[in-house]
Amino acid sequence: MKFQFKIQQYQTDAVNSVVNIFDGQPFQERVKYVRDLGKQEPRNQQITMFDQPDAAEDYAVGFENARLQLTSEQLTLNVRNMQGRRGCQSLSQLR
């Protein structure tokens, strides 16, 4: 069985509306972080900067989206602009 998908304009419009809310967010690539693995037992060993990370430490390294740098005021303005472009009722307060 082969799946065939059609591009639905209403879906494209919805995706673009959400993306436009983040207009002004700077592009960043390869953001690295360390995942919180919870409380770990302390190790009683000396390590040096030349030690290779073990499998558990390798597992803790990953990727995430860039931190949001837009202010709440800019996000609110972007939402209101999107509401105006789409003919939606503008809310007096956003949460």
N, C-alpha and C. Protein backbone atom coordinates (compact mmCIF):
# COMPACT_ATOMS: atom_id res chain seq x y z
N MET A 1 0.84 -1.17 0.00
CA MET A 1 0.00 0.00 0.00
C MET A 1 0.90 1.24 0.00
N LYS A 2 0.57 2.17 -0.83
CA LYS A 2 1.35 3.40 -0.94
C LYS A 2 0.47 4.57 -0.50
N PHE A 3 0.97 5.36 0.44
CA PHE A 3 0.23 6.52 0.90
C PHE A 3 0.44 7.68 -0.06
N GLN A 4 -0.61 8.40 -0.32
CA GLN A 4 -0.52 9.60 -1.13
C GLN A 4 -1.18 10.73 -0.34
N PHE A 5 -0.45 11.82 -0.19
CA PHE A 5 -0.96 12.95 0.57
C PHE A 5 -1.20 14.12 -0.37
N LYS A 6 -2.28 14.81 -0.12
CA LYS A 6 -2.58 16.04 -0.87
C LYS A 6 -2.22 17.22 0.02
N ILE A 7 -1.74 18.26 -0.60
CA ILE A 7 -1.50 19.50 0.14
C ILE A 7 -2.85 20.20 0.27
N GLN A 8 -3.28 20.34 1.52
CA GLN A 8 -4.55 21.00 1.80
C GLN A 8 -4.26 22.45 2.18
N GLN A 9 -4.85 23.39 1.48
CA GLN A 9 -4.56 24.80 1.72
C GLN A 9 -4.88 25.23 3.15
N TYR A 10 -5.97 24.70 3.72
CA TYR A 10 -6.32 25.10 5.08
C TYR A 10 -5.25 24.63 6.08
N GLN A 11 -4.61 23.49 5.81
CA GLN A 11 -3.53 23.03 6.68
C GLN A 11 -2.30 23.91 6.52
N THR A 12 -1.98 24.25 5.29
CA THR A 12 -0.85 25.14 5.04
C THR A 12 -1.07 26.49 5.69
N ASP A 13 -2.29 27.03 5.60
CA ASP A 13 -2.60 28.31 6.23
C ASP A 13 -2.46 28.23 7.75
N ALA A 14 -2.91 27.13 8.33
CA ALA A 14 -2.81 26.97 9.79
C ALA A 14 -1.35 26.90 10.23
N VAL A 15 -0.54 26.16 9.50
CA VAL A 15 0.88 26.05 9.84
C VAL A 15 1.55 27.41 9.71
N ASN A 16 1.28 28.13 8.64
CA ASN A 16 1.89 29.45 8.44
C ASN A 16 1.46 30.43 9.52
N SER A 17 0.22 30.33 9.98
CA SER A 17 -0.25 31.22 11.06
C SER A 17 0.55 30.99 12.34
N VAL A 18 0.79 29.73 12.67
CA VAL A 18 1.55 29.42 13.88
C VAL A 18 3.00 29.87 13.71
N VAL A 19 3.58 29.60 12.56
CA VAL A 19 4.98 29.99 12.32
C VAL A 19 5.13 31.51 12.40
N ASN A 20 4.17 32.25 11.87
CA ASN A 20 4.25 33.71 11.86
C ASN A 20 4.18 34.31 13.25
N ILE A 21 3.65 33.59 14.22
CA ILE A 21 3.62 34.08 15.60
C ILE A 21 5.04 34.26 16.13
N PHE A 22 5.98 33.47 15.61
CA PHE A 22 7.37 33.53 16.07
C PHE A 22 8.23 34.40 15.16
N ASP A 23 7.60 35.25 14.35
CA ASP A 23 8.34 36.16 13.48
C ASP A 23 9.25 37.06 14.32
N GLY A 24 10.51 37.12 13.95
CA GLY A 24 11.48 37.91 14.70
C GLY A 24 12.38 37.07 15.58
N GLN A 25 12.05 35.81 15.76
CA GLN A 25 12.90 34.90 16.54
C GLN A 25 14.15 34.61 15.71
N PRO A 26 15.34 34.90 16.24
CA PRO A 26 16.56 34.66 15.47
C PRO A 26 16.78 33.17 15.21
N PHE A 27 17.35 32.86 14.05
CA PHE A 27 17.65 31.48 13.68
C PHE A 27 18.93 31.04 14.38
N GLN A 28 18.88 29.86 14.98
CA GLN A 28 20.06 29.28 15.60
C GLN A 28 20.09 27.81 15.24
N GLU A 29 21.26 27.29 14.99
CA GLU A 29 21.35 25.87 14.70
C GLU A 29 22.32 25.20 15.65
N ARG A 30 22.14 23.91 15.77
CA ARG A 30 23.00 23.07 16.59
C ARG A 30 23.08 23.54 18.04
N VAL A 31 21.95 23.73 18.64
CA VAL A 31 21.90 24.09 20.05
C VAL A 31 22.11 22.81 20.85
N LYS A 32 23.10 22.80 21.71
CA LYS A 32 23.42 21.61 22.50
C LYS A 32 23.01 21.84 23.94
N TYR A 33 22.56 20.82 24.58
CA TYR A 33 22.21 20.91 25.99
C TYR A 33 22.46 19.56 26.64
N VAL A 34 22.38 19.55 27.94
CA VAL A 34 22.51 18.31 28.69
C VAL A 34 21.17 18.02 29.35
N ARG A 35 20.64 16.84 29.11
CA ARG A 35 19.36 16.47 29.69
C ARG A 35 19.52 16.21 31.18
N ASP A 36 18.48 16.54 31.91
CA ASP A 36 18.45 16.26 33.35
C ASP A 36 18.07 14.80 33.54
N LEU A 37 19.02 14.00 33.98
CA LEU A 37 18.76 12.57 34.18
C LEU A 37 18.30 12.27 35.60
N GLY A 38 18.02 13.30 36.36
CA GLY A 38 17.55 13.07 37.72
C GLY A 38 18.72 12.92 38.68
N LYS A 39 18.39 12.53 39.89
CA LYS A 39 19.40 12.38 40.93
C LYS A 39 20.28 11.17 40.62
N GLN A 40 21.58 11.39 40.58
CA GLN A 40 22.53 10.33 40.29
C GLN A 40 23.39 10.05 41.53
N GLU A 41 23.84 8.84 41.63
CA GLU A 41 24.75 8.49 42.72
C GLU A 41 26.11 9.15 42.46
N PRO A 42 26.71 9.75 43.48
CA PRO A 42 28.02 10.38 43.27
C PRO A 42 29.09 9.35 42.95
N ARG A 43 30.02 9.76 42.12
CA ARG A 43 31.13 8.88 41.76
C ARG A 43 32.33 9.20 42.63
N ASN A 44 32.98 8.18 43.09
CA ASN A 44 34.16 8.36 43.92
C ASN A 44 35.40 8.06 43.09
N GLN A 45 35.61 8.85 42.05
CA GLN A 45 36.79 8.65 41.23
C GLN A 45 37.27 9.99 40.69
N GLN A 46 38.54 10.07 40.45
CA GLN A 46 39.15 11.27 39.90
C GLN A 46 39.02 11.21 38.37
N ILE A 47 38.60 12.30 37.76
CA ILE A 47 38.56 12.34 36.30
C ILE A 47 39.42 13.50 35.82
N THR A 48 39.85 13.40 34.58
CA THR A 48 40.65 14.47 33.99
C THR A 48 39.94 14.97 32.75
N MET A 49 40.43 16.05 32.19
CA MET A 49 39.80 16.59 30.99
C MET A 49 40.04 15.71 29.77
N PHE A 50 40.91 14.71 29.89
CA PHE A 50 41.19 13.81 28.78
C PHE A 50 40.36 12.53 28.83
N ASP A 51 39.62 12.34 29.91
CA ASP A 51 38.78 11.14 30.02
C ASP A 51 37.68 11.18 28.96
N GLN A 52 37.37 10.01 28.42
CA GLN A 52 36.27 9.89 27.47
C GLN A 52 34.98 9.73 28.27
N PRO A 53 33.90 10.39 27.82
CA PRO A 53 32.64 10.20 28.54
C PRO A 53 32.16 8.77 28.41
N ASP A 54 31.58 8.26 29.48
CA ASP A 54 31.05 6.90 29.40
C ASP A 54 29.67 6.92 28.75
N ALA A 55 29.09 5.76 28.60
CA ALA A 55 27.83 5.64 27.88
C ALA A 55 26.72 6.46 28.55
N ALA A 56 26.69 6.50 29.88
CA ALA A 56 25.66 7.25 30.59
C ALA A 56 25.78 8.75 30.30
N GLU A 57 27.01 9.26 30.26
CA GLU A 57 27.19 10.68 29.96
C GLU A 57 26.86 10.96 28.50
N ASP A 58 27.22 10.05 27.60
CA ASP A 58 26.85 10.20 26.19
C ASP A 58 25.34 10.27 26.04
N TYR A 59 24.65 9.46 26.80
CA TYR A 59 23.20 9.41 26.73
C TYR A 59 22.59 10.74 27.18
N ALA A 60 23.26 11.48 28.04
CA ALA A 60 22.72 12.71 28.60
C ALA A 60 22.83 13.88 27.63
N VAL A 61 23.63 13.77 26.60
CA VAL A 61 23.81 14.87 25.67
C VAL A 61 22.78 14.76 24.56
N GLY A 62 22.18 15.88 24.18
CA GLY A 62 21.17 15.85 23.13
C GLY A 62 20.97 17.21 22.52
N PHE A 63 19.84 17.39 21.88
CA PHE A 63 19.53 18.64 21.21
C PHE A 63 18.14 19.10 21.60
N GLU A 64 17.94 20.40 21.50
CA GLU A 64 16.64 20.99 21.78
C GLU A 64 16.45 22.19 20.89
N ASN A 65 15.27 22.73 20.86
CA ASN A 65 15.02 23.96 20.12
C ASN A 65 15.71 25.12 20.81
N ALA A 66 15.99 26.15 20.05
CA ALA A 66 16.61 27.34 20.63
C ALA A 66 15.66 27.98 21.64
N ARG A 67 16.22 28.61 22.64
CA ARG A 67 15.41 29.31 23.64
C ARG A 67 14.66 30.46 22.97
N LEU A 68 13.45 30.70 23.43
CA LEU A 68 12.64 31.78 22.90
C LEU A 68 13.24 33.11 23.32
N GLN A 69 13.53 33.96 22.34
CA GLN A 69 14.13 35.25 22.63
C GLN A 69 13.16 36.41 22.44
N LEU A 70 11.98 36.13 21.92
CA LEU A 70 10.98 37.17 21.74
C LEU A 70 10.36 37.53 23.09
N THR A 71 10.04 38.79 23.25
CA THR A 71 9.38 39.22 24.49
C THR A 71 7.90 38.85 24.41
N SER A 72 7.24 38.85 25.54
CA SER A 72 5.81 38.56 25.54
C SER A 72 5.04 39.62 24.77
N GLU A 73 5.55 40.87 24.78
CA GLU A 73 4.91 41.94 24.02
C GLU A 73 5.00 41.68 22.52
N GLN A 74 6.17 41.20 22.05
CA GLN A 74 6.33 40.90 20.63
C GLN A 74 5.47 39.71 20.22
N LEU A 75 5.40 38.70 21.07
CA LEU A 75 4.53 37.55 20.78
C LEU A 75 3.07 37.97 20.70
N THR A 76 2.65 38.83 21.64
CA THR A 76 1.28 39.32 21.64
C THR A 76 0.99 40.10 20.37
N LEU A 77 1.91 40.97 19.96
CA LEU A 77 1.75 41.73 18.73
C LEU A 77 1.65 40.80 17.52
N ASN A 78 2.50 39.78 17.47
CA ASN A 78 2.46 38.82 16.37
C ASN A 78 1.13 38.07 16.33
N VAL A 79 0.61 37.69 17.50
CA VAL A 79 -0.68 36.99 17.55
C VAL A 79 -1.78 37.92 17.06
N ARG A 80 -1.76 39.16 17.51
CA ARG A 80 -2.80 40.12 17.08
C ARG A 80 -2.70 40.39 15.57
N ASN A 81 -1.50 40.47 15.05
CA ASN A 81 -1.35 40.66 13.60
C ASN A 81 -1.90 39.46 12.84
N MET A 82 -1.63 38.26 13.34
CA MET A 82 -2.14 37.05 12.70
C MET A 82 -3.67 37.03 12.77
N GLN A 83 -4.23 37.41 13.91
CA GLN A 83 -5.68 37.45 14.05
C GLN A 83 -6.30 38.41 13.04
N GLY A 84 -5.64 39.56 12.86
CA GLY A 84 -6.15 40.54 11.89
C GLY A 84 -6.07 40.03 10.47
N ARG A 85 -4.96 39.38 10.11
CA ARG A 85 -4.80 38.85 8.74
C ARG A 85 -5.81 37.73 8.45
N ARG A 86 -6.16 36.96 9.47
CA ARG A 86 -7.06 35.83 9.28
C ARG A 86 -8.53 36.19 9.55
N GLY A 87 -8.77 37.44 9.95
CA GLY A 87 -10.15 37.85 10.22
C GLY A 87 -10.70 37.25 11.50
N CYS A 88 -9.81 36.91 12.44
CA CYS A 88 -10.26 36.36 13.72
C CYS A 88 -10.57 37.49 14.69
N GLN A 89 -11.43 37.20 15.64
CA GLN A 89 -11.72 38.16 16.68
C GLN A 89 -10.48 38.35 17.54
N SER A 90 -10.10 39.60 17.77
CA SER A 90 -8.93 39.90 18.59
C SER A 90 -9.33 39.88 20.05
N LEU A 91 -8.66 39.09 20.84
CA LEU A 91 -8.96 38.99 22.27
C LEU A 91 -8.34 40.14 23.02
N SER A 92 -9.00 40.59 24.07
CA SER A 92 -8.46 41.70 24.85
C SER A 92 -7.27 41.28 25.70
N GLN A 93 -7.20 40.01 26.04
CA GLN A 93 -6.10 39.52 26.87
C GLN A 93 -5.67 38.15 26.38
N LEU A 94 -4.38 37.97 26.27
CA LEU A 94 -3.82 36.67 25.88
C LEU A 94 -3.16 36.05 27.10
N ARG A 95 -3.23 34.73 27.21
CA ARG A 95 -2.61 34.06 28.36
C ARG A 95 -1.45 33.24 27.91
